[in-house]
Amino acid sequence: MSVLGTFSFLMIEMNTWKVIGLSGSLIFGIRFLLQWIASERAGKSIIPVGFWECSLFGSLLALSYFVFYRRDSVGIIMTLLPVPIYLRNLYLKWREVLSQRSQTASIEPKEQVPEEVESR
């Protein structure tokens, strides 16, 4: 079932799909660390875009583990159902970022051209 075969790590039998599943869980868990650091820096509770990126990427890795290795319907449903929420929040965050960039670009003063250059 595993492309790279099985190996032992800390007395636990591992294979490629278990590494993918554990990586998904680790990335999914890192999102809370990102949120905590961003909130501490801002001095208020905020959710950075990295939180939603880790949520999506971690869920997709865990989903692949449940679909291809475990064939576990509970795990598939558990990781698949929140994916639209992660995608929607990423869309809203990126739309906000692009809107802010376009507003700051239109506010920046244009470079003044000396009068003698304009008359030539």
PDB file of N, CA and C in Angstrom:
ATOM      1  N   MET A   1       0.819  -1.192   0.000  1.00  0.00           N
ATOM      2  CA  MET A   1       0.000   0.000   0.000  1.00  0.00           C
ATOM      3  C   MET A   1       0.864   1.257   0.000  1.00  0.00           C
ATOM      4  N   SER A   2       2.030   1.188   0.598  1.00  0.00           N
ATOM      5  CA  SER A   2       2.892   2.355   0.714  1.00  0.00           C
ATOM      6  C   SER A   2       3.961   2.342  -0.378  1.00  0.00           C
ATOM      7  N   VAL A   3       4.217   3.493  -0.941  1.00  0.00           N
ATOM      8  CA  VAL A   3       5.216   3.616  -1.997  1.00  0.00           C
ATOM      9  C   VAL A   3       6.615   3.366  -1.438  1.00  0.00           C
ATOM     10  N   LEU A   4       6.908   3.897  -0.263  1.00  0.00           N
ATOM     11  CA  LEU A   4       8.240   3.786   0.314  1.00  0.00           C
ATOM     12  C   LEU A   4       8.367   2.647   1.316  1.00  0.00           C
ATOM     13  N   GLY A   5       7.344   1.867   1.511  1.00  0.00           N
ATOM     14  CA  GLY A   5       7.388   0.779   2.462  1.00  0.00           C
ATOM     15  C   GLY A   5       7.170   1.271   3.879  1.00  0.00           C
ATOM     16  N   THR A   6       7.422   0.407   4.814  1.00  0.00           N
ATOM     17  CA  THR A   6       7.230   0.765   6.216  1.00  0.00           C
ATOM     18  C   THR A   6       8.579   0.942   6.892  1.00  0.00           C
ATOM     19  N   PHE A   7       8.579   1.712   7.960  1.00  0.00           N
ATOM     20  CA  PHE A   7       9.768   1.930   8.760  1.00  0.00           C
ATOM     21  C   PHE A   7       9.323   2.194  10.178  1.00  0.00           C
ATOM     22  N   SER A   8      10.257   2.131  11.078  1.00  0.00           N
ATOM     23  CA  SER A   8       9.938   2.339  12.486  1.00  0.00           C
ATOM     24  C   SER A   8      10.507   3.676  12.944  1.00  0.00           C
ATOM     25  N   PHE A   9       9.685   4.429  13.680  1.00  0.00           N
ATOM     26  CA  PHE A   9      10.105   5.721  14.228  1.00  0.00           C
ATOM     27  C   PHE A   9       9.583   5.807  15.646  1.00  0.00           C
ATOM     28  N   LEU A  10      10.492   5.928  16.610  1.00  0.00           N
ATOM     29  CA  LEU A  10      10.129   5.974  18.025  1.00  0.00           C
ATOM     30  C   LEU A  10       9.251   4.784  18.411  1.00  0.00           C
ATOM     31  N   MET A  11       9.628   3.625  17.928  1.00  0.00           N
ATOM     32  CA  MET A  11       8.936   2.366  18.200  1.00  0.00           C
ATOM     33  C   MET A  11       7.505   2.350  17.659  1.00  0.00           C
ATOM     34  N   ILE A  12       7.221   3.184  16.656  1.00  0.00           N
ATOM     35  CA  ILE A  12       5.918   3.204  15.999  1.00  0.00           C
ATOM     36  C   ILE A  12       6.138   2.822  14.550  1.00  0.00           C
ATOM     37  N   GLU A  13       5.371   1.862  14.061  1.00  0.00           N
ATOM     38  CA  GLU A  13       5.499   1.464  12.667  1.00  0.00           C
ATOM     39  C   GLU A  13       4.872   2.541  11.787  1.00  0.00           C
ATOM     40  N   MET A  14       5.644   3.044  10.848  1.00  0.00           N
ATOM     41  CA  MET A  14       5.208   4.148   9.993  1.00  0.00           C
ATOM     42  C   MET A  14       5.238   3.708   8.535  1.00  0.00           C
ATOM     43  N   ASN A  15       4.459   4.400   7.722  1.00  0.00           N
ATOM     44  CA  ASN A  15       4.523   4.257   6.268  1.00  0.00           C
ATOM     45  C   ASN A  15       4.250   5.632   5.656  1.00  0.00           C
ATOM     46  N   THR A  16       4.306   5.710   4.353  1.00  0.00           N
ATOM     47  CA  THR A  16       4.158   6.998   3.669  1.00  0.00           C
ATOM     48  C   THR A  16       2.840   7.674   4.015  1.00  0.00           C
ATOM     49  N   TRP A  17       1.734   6.922   4.024  1.00  0.00           N
ATOM     50  CA  TRP A  17       0.425   7.518   4.286  1.00  0.00           C
ATOM     51  C   TRP A  17       0.301   7.995   5.717  1.00  0.00           C
ATOM     52  N   LYS A  18       0.942   7.298   6.643  1.00  0.00           N
ATOM     53  CA  LYS A  18       0.928   7.773   8.030  1.00  0.00           C
ATOM     54  C   LYS A  18       1.712   9.079   8.153  1.00  0.00           C
ATOM     55  N   VAL A  19       2.811   9.202   7.433  1.00  0.00           N
ATOM     56  CA  VAL A  19       3.586  10.446   7.439  1.00  0.00           C
ATOM     57  C   VAL A  19       2.754  11.582   6.862  1.00  0.00           C
ATOM     58  N   ILE A  20       2.018  11.313   5.784  1.00  0.00           N
ATOM     59  CA  ILE A  20       1.150  12.337   5.192  1.00  0.00           C
ATOM     60  C   ILE A  20       0.064  12.737   6.180  1.00  0.00           C
ATOM     61  N   GLY A  21      -0.571  11.761   6.815  1.00  0.00           N
ATOM     62  CA  GLY A  21      -1.618  12.053   7.791  1.00  0.00           C
ATOM     63  C   GLY A  21      -1.097  12.830   8.987  1.00  0.00           C
ATOM     64  N   LEU A  22       0.057  12.440   9.509  1.00  0.00           N
ATOM     65  CA  LEU A  22       0.645  13.158  10.641  1.00  0.00           C
ATOM     66  C   LEU A  22       1.087  14.562  10.239  1.00  0.00           C
ATOM     67  N   SER A  23       1.592  14.707   9.026  1.00  0.00           N
ATOM     68  CA  SER A  23       1.972  16.041   8.538  1.00  0.00           C
ATOM     69  C   SER A  23       0.755  16.946   8.462  1.00  0.00           C
ATOM     70  N   GLY A  24      -0.348  16.397   7.987  1.00  0.00           N
ATOM     71  CA  GLY A  24      -1.589  17.171   7.946  1.00  0.00           C
ATOM     72  C   GLY A  24      -2.019  17.614   9.330  1.00  0.00           C
ATOM     73  N   SER A  25      -1.924  16.712  10.296  1.00  0.00           N
ATOM     74  CA  SER A  25      -2.295  17.059  11.677  1.00  0.00           C
ATOM     75  C   SER A  25      -1.365  18.124  12.244  1.00  0.00           C
ATOM     76  N   LEU A  26      -0.070  18.008  11.960  1.00  0.00           N
ATOM     77  CA  LEU A  26       0.899  18.983  12.444  1.00  0.00           C
ATOM     78  C   LEU A  26       0.640  20.359  11.839  1.00  0.00           C
ATOM     79  N   ILE A  27       0.449  20.423  10.527  1.00  0.00           N
ATOM     80  CA  ILE A  27       0.183  21.705   9.866  1.00  0.00           C
ATOM     81  C   ILE A  27      -1.127  22.291  10.363  1.00  0.00           C
ATOM     82  N   PHE A  28      -2.134  21.444  10.536  1.00  0.00           N
ATOM     83  CA  PHE A  28      -3.426  21.898  11.041  1.00  0.00           C
ATOM     84  C   PHE A  28      -3.262  22.491  12.440  1.00  0.00           C
ATOM     85  N   GLY A  29      -2.425  21.874  13.273  1.00  0.00           N
ATOM     86  CA  GLY A  29      -2.185  22.370  14.625  1.00  0.00           C
ATOM     87  C   GLY A  29      -1.375  23.658  14.666  1.00  0.00           C
ATOM     88  N   ILE A  30      -0.482  23.852  13.705  1.00  0.00           N
ATOM     89  CA  ILE A  30       0.356  25.053  13.660  1.00  0.00           C
ATOM     90  C   ILE A  30      -0.496  26.310  13.506  1.00  0.00           C
ATOM     91  N   ARG A  31      -1.673  26.180  12.931  1.00  0.00           N
ATOM     92  CA  ARG A  31      -2.530  27.345  12.713  1.00  0.00           C
ATOM     93  C   ARG A  31      -2.866  28.050  14.020  1.00  0.00           C
ATOM     94  N   PHE A  32      -3.001  27.289  15.104  1.00  0.00           N
ATOM     95  CA  PHE A  32      -3.303  27.909  16.392  1.00  0.00           C
ATOM     96  C   PHE A  32      -2.111  28.715  16.914  1.00  0.00           C
ATOM     97  N   LEU A  33      -0.919  28.226  16.664  1.00  0.00           N
ATOM     98  CA  LEU A  33       0.287  28.963  17.027  1.00  0.00           C
ATOM     99  C   LEU A  33       0.364  30.272  16.230  1.00  0.00           C
ATOM    100  N   LEU A  34       0.078  30.209  14.939  1.00  0.00           N
ATOM    101  CA  LEU A  34       0.075  31.420  14.103  1.00  0.00           C
ATOM    102  C   LEU A  34      -0.943  32.440  14.601  1.00  0.00           C
ATOM    103  N   GLN A  35      -2.122  31.959  14.945  1.00  0.00           N
ATOM    104  CA  GLN A  35      -3.178  32.855  15.419  1.00  0.00           C
ATOM    105  C   GLN A  35      -2.781  33.497  16.737  1.00  0.00           C
ATOM    106  N   TRP A  36      -2.188  32.730  17.617  1.00  0.00           N
ATOM    107  CA  TRP A  36      -1.766  33.248  18.923  1.00  0.00           C
ATOM    108  C   TRP A  36      -0.697  34.323  18.746  1.00  0.00           C
ATOM    109  N   ILE A  37       0.311  34.062  17.925  1.00  0.00           N
ATOM    110  CA  ILE A  37       1.394  35.025  17.697  1.00  0.00           C
ATOM    111  C   ILE A  37       0.845  36.310  17.065  1.00  0.00           C
ATOM    112  N   ALA A  38      -0.019  36.176  16.064  1.00  0.00           N
ATOM    113  CA  ALA A  38      -0.593  37.360  15.401  1.00  0.00           C
ATOM    114  C   ALA A  38      -1.425  38.180  16.380  1.00  0.00           C
ATOM    115  N   SER A  39      -2.183  37.510  17.232  1.00  0.00           N
ATOM    116  CA  SER A  39      -3.005  38.228  18.211  1.00  0.00           C
ATOM    117  C   SER A  39      -2.145  38.934  19.242  1.00  0.00           C
ATOM    118  N   GLU A  40      -1.078  38.297  19.691  1.00  0.00           N
ATOM    119  CA  GLU A  40      -0.174  38.927  20.653  1.00  0.00           C
ATOM    120  C   GLU A  40       0.479  40.162  20.048  1.00  0.00           C
ATOM    121  N   ARG A  41       0.894  40.068  18.801  1.00  0.00           N
ATOM    122  CA  ARG A  41       1.526  41.216  18.136  1.00  0.00           C
ATOM    123  C   ARG A  41       0.543  42.373  17.952  1.00  0.00           C
ATOM    124  N   ALA A  42      -0.704  42.050  17.643  1.00  0.00           N
ATOM    125  CA  ALA A  42      -1.716  43.083  17.409  1.00  0.00           C
ATOM    126  C   ALA A  42      -2.321  43.602  18.704  1.00  0.00           C
ATOM    127  N   GLY A  43      -2.177  42.848  19.783  1.00  0.00           N
ATOM    128  CA  GLY A  43      -2.774  43.253  21.044  1.00  0.00           C
ATOM    129  C   GLY A  43      -4.276  43.027  21.092  1.00  0.00           C
ATOM    130  N   LYS A  44      -4.778  42.242  20.149  1.00  0.00           N
ATOM    131  CA  LYS A  44      -6.205  41.894  20.125  1.00  0.00           C
ATOM    132  C   LYS A  44      -6.335  40.572  19.368  1.00  0.00           C
ATOM    133  N   SER A  45      -7.486  39.957  19.478  1.00  0.00           N
ATOM    134  CA  SER A  45      -7.707  38.678  18.821  1.00  0.00           C
ATOM    135  C   SER A  45      -7.940  38.885  17.328  1.00  0.00           C
ATOM    136  N   ILE A  46      -7.063  38.320  16.525  1.00  0.00           N
ATOM    137  CA  ILE A  46      -7.222  38.372  15.070  1.00  0.00           C
ATOM    138  C   ILE A  46      -6.939  36.991  14.497  1.00  0.00           C
ATOM    139  N   ILE A  47      -7.376  36.787  13.269  1.00  0.00           N
ATOM    140  CA  ILE A  47      -7.109  35.528  12.582  1.00  0.00           C
ATOM    141  C   ILE A  47      -6.362  35.863  11.289  1.00  0.00           C
ATOM    142  N   PRO A  48      -5.061  35.548  11.224  1.00  0.00           N
ATOM    143  CA  PRO A  48      -4.280  35.873  10.024  1.00  0.00           C
ATOM    144  C   PRO A  48      -4.599  34.918   8.882  1.00  0.00           C
ATOM    145  N   VAL A  49      -4.216  35.302   7.670  1.00  0.00           N
ATOM    146  CA  VAL A  49      -4.466  34.478   6.490  1.00  0.00           C
ATOM    147  C   VAL A  49      -3.755  33.130   6.608  1.00  0.00           C
ATOM    148  N   GLY A  50      -2.603  33.088   7.274  1.00  0.00           N
ATOM    149  CA  GLY A  50      -1.886  31.829   7.477  1.00  0.00           C
ATOM    150  C   GLY A  50      -2.698  30.805   8.252  1.00  0.00           C
ATOM    151  N   PHE A  51      -3.572  31.265   9.129  1.00  0.00           N
ATOM    152  CA  PHE A  51      -4.458  30.372   9.878  1.00  0.00           C
ATOM    153  C   PHE A  51      -5.336  29.587   8.905  1.00  0.00           C
ATOM    154  N   TRP A  52      -5.920  30.295   7.936  1.00  0.00           N
ATOM    155  CA  TRP A  52      -6.813  29.641   6.975  1.00  0.00           C
ATOM    156  C   TRP A  52      -6.019  28.793   5.992  1.00  0.00           C
ATOM    157  N   GLU A  53      -4.800  29.230   5.628  1.00  0.00           N
ATOM    158  CA  GLU A  53      -3.961  28.429   4.734  1.00  0.00           C
ATOM    159  C   GLU A  53      -3.559  27.115   5.400  1.00  0.00           C
ATOM    160  N   CYS A  54      -3.152  27.176   6.664  1.00  0.00           N
ATOM    161  CA  CYS A  54      -2.803  25.952   7.398  1.00  0.00           C
ATOM    162  C   CYS A  54      -4.029  25.062   7.587  1.00  0.00           C
ATOM    163  N   SER A  55      -5.179  25.669   7.824  1.00  0.00           N
ATOM    164  CA  SER A  55      -6.415  24.899   7.971  1.00  0.00           C
ATOM    165  C   SER A  55      -6.694  24.111   6.695  1.00  0.00           C
ATOM    166  N   LEU A  56      -6.614  24.782   5.547  1.00  0.00           N
ATOM    167  CA  LEU A  56      -6.907  24.135   4.270  1.00  0.00           C
ATOM    168  C   LEU A  56      -5.872  23.075   3.934  1.00  0.00           C
ATOM    169  N   PHE A  57      -4.588  23.428   4.008  1.00  0.00           N
ATOM    170  CA  PHE A  57      -3.528  22.498   3.624  1.00  0.00           C
ATOM    171  C   PHE A  57      -3.492  21.291   4.567  1.00  0.00           C
ATOM    172  N   GLY A  58      -3.604  21.532   5.858  1.00  0.00           N
ATOM    173  CA  GLY A  58      -3.618  20.436   6.824  1.00  0.00           C
ATOM    174  C   GLY A  58      -4.808  19.524   6.614  1.00  0.00           C
ATOM    175  N   SER A  59      -5.969  20.098   6.338  1.00  0.00           N
ATOM    176  CA  SER A  59      -7.165  19.288   6.095  1.00  0.00           C
ATOM    177  C   SER A  59      -7.027  18.460   4.823  1.00  0.00           C
ATOM    178  N   LEU A  60      -6.456  19.050   3.777  1.00  0.00           N
ATOM    179  CA  LEU A  60      -6.293  18.301   2.531  1.00  0.00           C
ATOM    180  C   LEU A  60      -5.313  17.141   2.692  1.00  0.00           C
ATOM    181  N   LEU A  61      -4.248  17.346   3.452  1.00  0.00           N
ATOM    182  CA  LEU A  61      -3.321  16.244   3.719  1.00  0.00           C
ATOM    183  C   LEU A  61      -3.992  15.153   4.542  1.00  0.00           C
ATOM    184  N   ALA A  62      -4.703  15.551   5.591  1.00  0.00           N
ATOM    185  CA  ALA A  62      -5.414  14.571   6.409  1.00  0.00           C
ATOM    186  C   ALA A  62      -6.490  13.859   5.586  1.00  0.00           C
ATOM    187  N   LEU A  63      -7.161  14.604   4.717  1.00  0.00           N
ATOM    188  CA  LEU A  63      -8.180  14.009   3.862  1.00  0.00           C
ATOM    189  C   LEU A  63      -7.569  12.943   2.952  1.00  0.00           C
ATOM    190  N   SER A  64      -6.409  13.233   2.376  1.00  0.00           N
ATOM    191  CA  SER A  64      -5.764  12.249   1.508  1.00  0.00           C
ATOM    192  C   SER A  64      -5.408  10.983   2.290  1.00  0.00           C
ATOM    193  N   TYR A  65      -4.994  11.143   3.530  1.00  0.00           N
ATOM    194  CA  TYR A  65      -4.705   9.995   4.399  1.00  0.00           C
ATOM    195  C   TYR A  65      -5.965   9.154   4.609  1.00  0.00           C
ATOM    196  N   PHE A  66      -7.076   9.817   4.939  1.00  0.00           N
ATOM    197  CA  PHE A  66      -8.318   9.084   5.188  1.00  0.00           C
ATOM    198  C   PHE A  66      -8.893   8.460   3.916  1.00  0.00           C
ATOM    199  N   VAL A  67      -8.730   9.106   2.778  1.00  0.00           N
ATOM    200  CA  VAL A  67      -9.283   8.585   1.525  1.00  0.00           C
ATOM    201  C   VAL A  67      -8.449   7.431   0.988  1.00  0.00           C
ATOM    202  N   PHE A  68      -7.144   7.637   0.873  1.00  0.00           N
ATOM    203  CA  PHE A  68      -6.310   6.671   0.169  1.00  0.00           C
ATOM    204  C   PHE A  68      -5.731   5.570   1.049  1.00  0.00           C
ATOM    205  N   TYR A  69      -5.526   5.825   2.316  1.00  0.00           N
ATOM    206  CA  TYR A  69      -4.898   4.821   3.170  1.00  0.00           C
ATOM    207  C   TYR A  69      -5.903   4.156   4.101  1.00  0.00           C
ATOM    208  N   ARG A  70      -6.605   4.936   4.875  1.00  0.00           N
ATOM    209  CA  ARG A  70      -7.514   4.373   5.869  1.00  0.00           C
ATOM    210  C   ARG A  70      -8.862   3.961   5.287  1.00  0.00           C
ATOM    211  N   ARG A  71      -9.276   4.660   4.232  1.00  0.00           N
ATOM    212  CA  ARG A  71     -10.620   4.448   3.668  1.00  0.00           C
ATOM    213  C   ARG A  71     -11.665   4.531   4.784  1.00  0.00           C
ATOM    214  N   ASP A  72     -11.533   5.619   5.547  1.00  0.00           N
ATOM    215  CA  ASP A  72     -12.335   5.836   6.751  1.00  0.00           C
ATOM    216  C   ASP A  72     -13.371   6.919   6.478  1.00  0.00           C
ATOM    217  N   SER A  73     -14.639   6.525   6.395  1.00  0.00           N
ATOM    218  CA  SER A  73     -15.689   7.482   6.038  1.00  0.00           C
ATOM    219  C   SER A  73     -15.852   8.575   7.089  1.00  0.00           C
ATOM    220  N   VAL A  74     -15.672   8.258   8.356  1.00  0.00           N
ATOM    221  CA  VAL A  74     -15.787   9.280   9.406  1.00  0.00           C
ATOM    222  C   VAL A  74     -14.673  10.311   9.251  1.00  0.00           C
ATOM    223  N   GLY A  75     -13.455   9.869   9.042  1.00  0.00           N
ATOM    224  CA  GLY A  75     -12.337  10.785   8.838  1.00  0.00           C
ATOM    225  C   GLY A  75     -12.504  11.629   7.589  1.00  0.00           C
ATOM    226  N   ILE A  76     -13.031  11.019   6.515  1.00  0.00           N
ATOM    227  CA  ILE A  76     -13.251  11.752   5.267  1.00  0.00           C
ATOM    228  C   ILE A  76     -14.263  12.869   5.490  1.00  0.00           C
ATOM    229  N   ILE A  77     -15.380  12.534   6.092  1.00  0.00           N
ATOM    230  CA  ILE A  77     -16.418  13.541   6.338  1.00  0.00           C
ATOM    231  C   ILE A  77     -15.913  14.616   7.294  1.00  0.00           C
ATOM    232  N   MET A  78     -15.192  14.197   8.342  1.00  0.00           N
ATOM    233  CA  MET A  78     -14.694  15.124   9.359  1.00  0.00           C
ATOM    234  C   MET A  78     -13.734  16.164   8.752  1.00  0.00           C
ATOM    235  N   THR A  79     -12.899  15.749   7.813  1.00  0.00           N
ATOM    236  CA  THR A  79     -11.927  16.684   7.239  1.00  0.00           C
ATOM    237  C   THR A  79     -12.453  17.394   5.999  1.00  0.00           C
ATOM    238  N   LEU A  80     -13.455  16.813   5.351  1.00  0.00           N
ATOM    239  CA  LEU A  80     -13.985  17.405   4.122  1.00  0.00           C
ATOM    240  C   LEU A  80     -15.007  18.513   4.390  1.00  0.00           C
ATOM    241  N   LEU A  81     -15.845  18.367   5.382  1.00  0.00           N
ATOM    242  CA  LEU A  81     -16.916  19.334   5.625  1.00  0.00           C
ATOM    243  C   LEU A  81     -16.437  20.768   5.878  1.00  0.00           C
ATOM    244  N   PRO A  82     -15.367  21.012   6.630  1.00  0.00           N
ATOM    245  CA  PRO A  82     -14.970  22.407   6.850  1.00  0.00           C
ATOM    246  C   PRO A  82     -14.176  23.042   5.700  1.00  0.00           C
ATOM    247  N   VAL A  83     -13.797  22.274   4.674  1.00  0.00           N
ATOM    248  CA  VAL A  83     -12.991  22.820   3.572  1.00  0.00           C
ATOM    249  C   VAL A  83     -13.665  24.026   2.902  1.00  0.00           C
ATOM    250  N   PRO A  84     -14.973  24.006   2.617  1.00  0.00           N
ATOM    251  CA  PRO A  84     -15.588  25.213   2.029  1.00  0.00           C
ATOM    252  C   PRO A  84     -15.462  26.450   2.922  1.00  0.00           C
ATOM    253  N   ILE A  85     -15.485  26.273   4.236  1.00  0.00           N
ATOM    254  CA  ILE A  85     -15.319  27.403   5.156  1.00  0.00           C
ATOM    255  C   ILE A  85     -13.912  27.977   5.024  1.00  0.00           C
ATOM    256  N   TYR A  86     -12.912  27.106   4.947  1.00  0.00           N
ATOM    257  CA  TYR A  86     -11.530  27.572   4.792  1.00  0.00           C
ATOM    258  C   TYR A  86     -11.361  28.310   3.469  1.00  0.00           C
ATOM    259  N   LEU A  87     -11.931  27.752   2.400  1.00  0.00           N
ATOM    260  CA  LEU A  87     -11.827  28.404   1.090  1.00  0.00           C
ATOM    261  C   LEU A  87     -12.526  29.761   1.082  1.00  0.00           C
ATOM    262  N   ARG A  88     -13.686  29.835   1.673  1.00  0.00           N
ATOM    263  CA  ARG A  88     -14.431  31.107   1.727  1.00  0.00           C
ATOM    264  C   ARG A  88     -13.648  32.160   2.506  1.00  0.00           C
ATOM    265  N   ASN A  89     -13.079  31.789   3.645  1.00  0.00           N
ATOM    266  CA  ASN A  89     -12.318  32.743   4.439  1.00  0.00           C
ATOM    267  C   ASN A  89     -11.040  33.177   3.728  1.00  0.00           C
ATOM    268  N   LEU A  90     -10.395  32.263   3.011  1.00  0.00           N
ATOM    269  CA  LEU A  90      -9.226  32.656   2.212  1.00  0.00           C
ATOM    270  C   LEU A  90      -9.636  33.633   1.118  1.00  0.00           C
ATOM    271  N   TYR A  91     -10.744  33.375   0.467  1.00  0.00           N
ATOM    272  CA  TYR A  91     -11.240  34.291  -0.558  1.00  0.00           C
ATOM    273  C   TYR A  91     -11.508  35.679   0.033  1.00  0.00           C
ATOM    274  N   LEU A  92     -12.189  35.717   1.180  1.00  0.00           N
ATOM    275  CA  LEU A  92     -12.501  37.002   1.808  1.00  0.00           C
ATOM    276  C   LEU A  92     -11.233  37.742   2.233  1.00  0.00           C
ATOM    277  N   LYS A  93     -10.251  37.020   2.789  1.00  0.00           N
ATOM    278  CA  LYS A  93      -8.992  37.653   3.214  1.00  0.00           C
ATOM    279  C   LYS A  93      -8.237  38.211   2.009  1.00  0.00           C
ATOM    280  N   TRP A  94      -8.126  37.418   0.932  1.00  0.00           N
ATOM    281  CA  TRP A  94      -7.379  37.882  -0.232  1.00  0.00           C
ATOM    282  C   TRP A  94      -8.099  39.022  -0.931  1.00  0.00           C
ATOM    283  N   ARG A  95      -9.425  38.997  -0.930  1.00  0.00           N
ATOM    284  CA  ARG A  95     -10.183  40.118  -1.494  1.00  0.00           C
ATOM    285  C   ARG A  95      -9.916  41.395  -0.694  1.00  0.00           C
ATOM    286  N   GLU A  96      -9.847  41.260   0.622  1.00  0.00           N
ATOM    287  CA  GLU A  96      -9.545  42.397   1.498  1.00  0.00           C
ATOM    288  C   GLU A  96      -8.143  42.942   1.220  1.00  0.00           C
ATOM    289  N   VAL A  97      -7.179  42.047   1.075  1.00  0.00           N
ATOM    290  CA  VAL A  97      -5.793  42.460   0.806  1.00  0.00           C
ATOM    291  C   VAL A  97      -5.704  43.189  -0.530  1.00  0.00           C
ATOM    292  N   LEU A  98      -6.337  42.644  -1.557  1.00  0.00           N
ATOM    293  CA  LEU A  98      -6.296  43.287  -2.874  1.00  0.00           C
ATOM    294  C   LEU A  98      -6.993  44.641  -2.858  1.00  0.00           C
ATOM    295  N   SER A  99      -8.075  44.751  -2.111  1.00  0.00           N
ATOM    296  CA  SER A  99      -8.782  46.026  -1.989  1.00  0.00           C
ATOM    297  C   SER A  99      -7.907  47.070  -1.298  1.00  0.00           C
ATOM    298  N   GLN A 100      -7.228  46.669  -0.246  1.00  0.00           N
ATOM    299  CA  GLN A 100      -6.340  47.590   0.466  1.00  0.00           C
ATOM    300  C   GLN A 100      -5.184  48.025  -0.416  1.00  0.00           C
ATOM    301  N   ARG A 101      -4.639  47.116  -1.211  1.00  0.00           N
ATOM    302  CA  ARG A 101      -3.535  47.466  -2.118  1.00  0.00           C
ATOM    303  C   ARG A 101      -3.985  48.468  -3.172  1.00  0.00           C
ATOM    304  N   SER A 102      -5.177  48.274  -3.716  1.00  0.00           N
ATOM    305  CA  SER A 102      -5.643  49.204  -4.745  1.00  0.00           C
ATOM    306  C   SER A 102      -5.958  50.570  -4.145  1.00  0.00           C
ATOM    307  N   GLN A 103      -6.445  50.612  -2.901  1.00  0.00           N
ATOM    308  CA  GLN A 103      -6.714  51.891  -2.244  1.00  0.00           C
ATOM    309  C   GLN A 103      -5.426  52.643  -1.952  1.00  0.00           C
ATOM    310  N   THR A 104      -4.392  51.950  -1.480  1.00  0.00           N
ATOM    311  CA  THR A 104      -3.127  52.625  -1.183  1.00  0.00           C
ATOM    312  C   THR A 104      -2.443  53.075  -2.466  1.00  0.00           C
ATOM    313  N   ALA A 105      -2.611  52.340  -3.553  1.00  0.00           N
ATOM    314  CA  ALA A 105      -2.014  52.743  -4.830  1.00  0.00           C
ATOM    315  C   ALA A 105      -2.674  54.008  -5.362  1.00  0.00           C
ATOM    316  N   SER A 106      -3.972  54.158  -5.154  1.00  0.00           N
ATOM    317  CA  SER A 106      -4.652  55.360  -5.651  1.00  0.00           C
ATOM    318  C   SER A 106      -4.427  56.563  -4.751  1.00  0.00           C
ATOM    319  N   ILE A 107      -4.036  56.358  -3.504  1.00  0.00           N
ATOM    320  CA  ILE A 107      -3.796  57.452  -2.562  1.00  0.00           C
ATOM    321  C   ILE A 107      -2.391  58.025  -2.693  1.00  0.00           C
ATOM    322  N   GLU A 108      -1.427  57.193  -3.118  1.00  0.00           N
ATOM    323  CA  GLU A 108      -0.043  57.639  -3.209  1.00  0.00           C
ATOM    324  C   GLU A 108       0.063  58.823  -4.161  1.00  0.00           C
ATOM    325  N   PRO A 109       0.814  59.859  -3.758  1.00  0.00           N
ATOM    326  CA  PRO A 109       0.948  61.041  -4.626  1.00  0.00           C
ATOM    327  C   PRO A 109       1.737  60.703  -5.882  1.00  0.00           C
ATOM    328  N   LYS A 110       1.322  61.323  -6.974  1.00  0.00           N
ATOM    329  CA  LYS A 110       2.018  61.103  -8.236  1.00  0.00           C
ATOM    330  C   LYS A 110       3.265  61.975  -8.252  1.00  0.00           C
ATOM    331  N   GLU A 111       4.263  61.487  -8.957  1.00  0.00           N
ATOM    332  CA  GLU A 111       5.531  62.198  -9.033  1.00  0.00           C
ATOM    333  C   GLU A 111       5.331  63.521  -9.776  1.00  0.00           C
ATOM    334  N   GLN A 112       5.859  64.606  -9.195  1.00  0.00           N
ATOM    335  CA  GLN A 112       5.736  65.929  -9.793  1.00  0.00           C
ATOM    336  C   GLN A 112       6.805  66.078 -10.904  1.00  0.00           C
ATOM    337  N   VAL A 113       6.343  66.536 -12.060  1.00  0.00           N
ATOM    338  CA  VAL A 113       7.248  66.758 -13.187  1.00  0.00           C
ATOM    339  C   VAL A 113       7.561  68.239 -13.221  1.00  0.00           C
ATOM    340  N   PRO A 114       8.855  68.616 -13.253  1.00  0.00           N
ATOM    341  CA  PRO A 114       9.202  70.048 -13.313  1.00  0.00           C
ATOM    342  C   PRO A 114       8.567  70.719 -14.524  1.00  0.00           C
ATOM    343  N   GLU A 115       8.205  72.014 -14.356  1.00  0.00           N
ATOM    344  CA  GLU A 115       7.503  72.751 -15.406  1.00  0.00           C
ATOM    345  C   GLU A 115       8.296  72.836 -16.700  1.00  0.00           C
ATOM    346  N   GLU A 116       9.629  72.986 -16.600  1.00  0.00           N
ATOM    347  CA  GLU A 116      10.410  73.132 -17.801  1.00  0.00           C
ATOM    348  C   GLU A 116      10.402  71.838 -18.622  1.00  0.00           C
ATOM    349  N   VAL A 117      10.262  70.685 -17.978  1.00  0.00           N
ATOM    350  CA  VAL A 117      10.190  69.424 -18.711  1.00  0.00           C
ATOM    351  C   VAL A 117       8.838  69.304 -19.392  1.00  0.00           C
ATOM    352  N   GLU A 118       7.775  69.755 -18.745  1.00  0.00           N
ATOM    353  CA  GLU A 118       6.430  69.677 -19.305  1.00  0.00           C
ATOM    354  C   GLU A 118       6.300  70.534 -20.563  1.00  0.00           C
ATOM    355  N   SER A 119       6.984  71.674 -20.641  1.00  0.00           N
ATOM    356  CA  SER A 119       6.818  72.590 -21.757  1.00  0.00           C
ATOM    357  C   SER A 119       7.579  72.146 -22.995  1.00  0.00           C
ATOM    358  N   ARG A 120       8.459  71.226 -22.908  1.00  0.00           N
ATOM    359  CA  ARG A 120       9.265  70.793 -24.073  1.00  0.00           C
ATOM    360  C   ARG A 120       8.502  69.966 -25.019  1.00  0.00           C
TER     361      ARG A 120
END
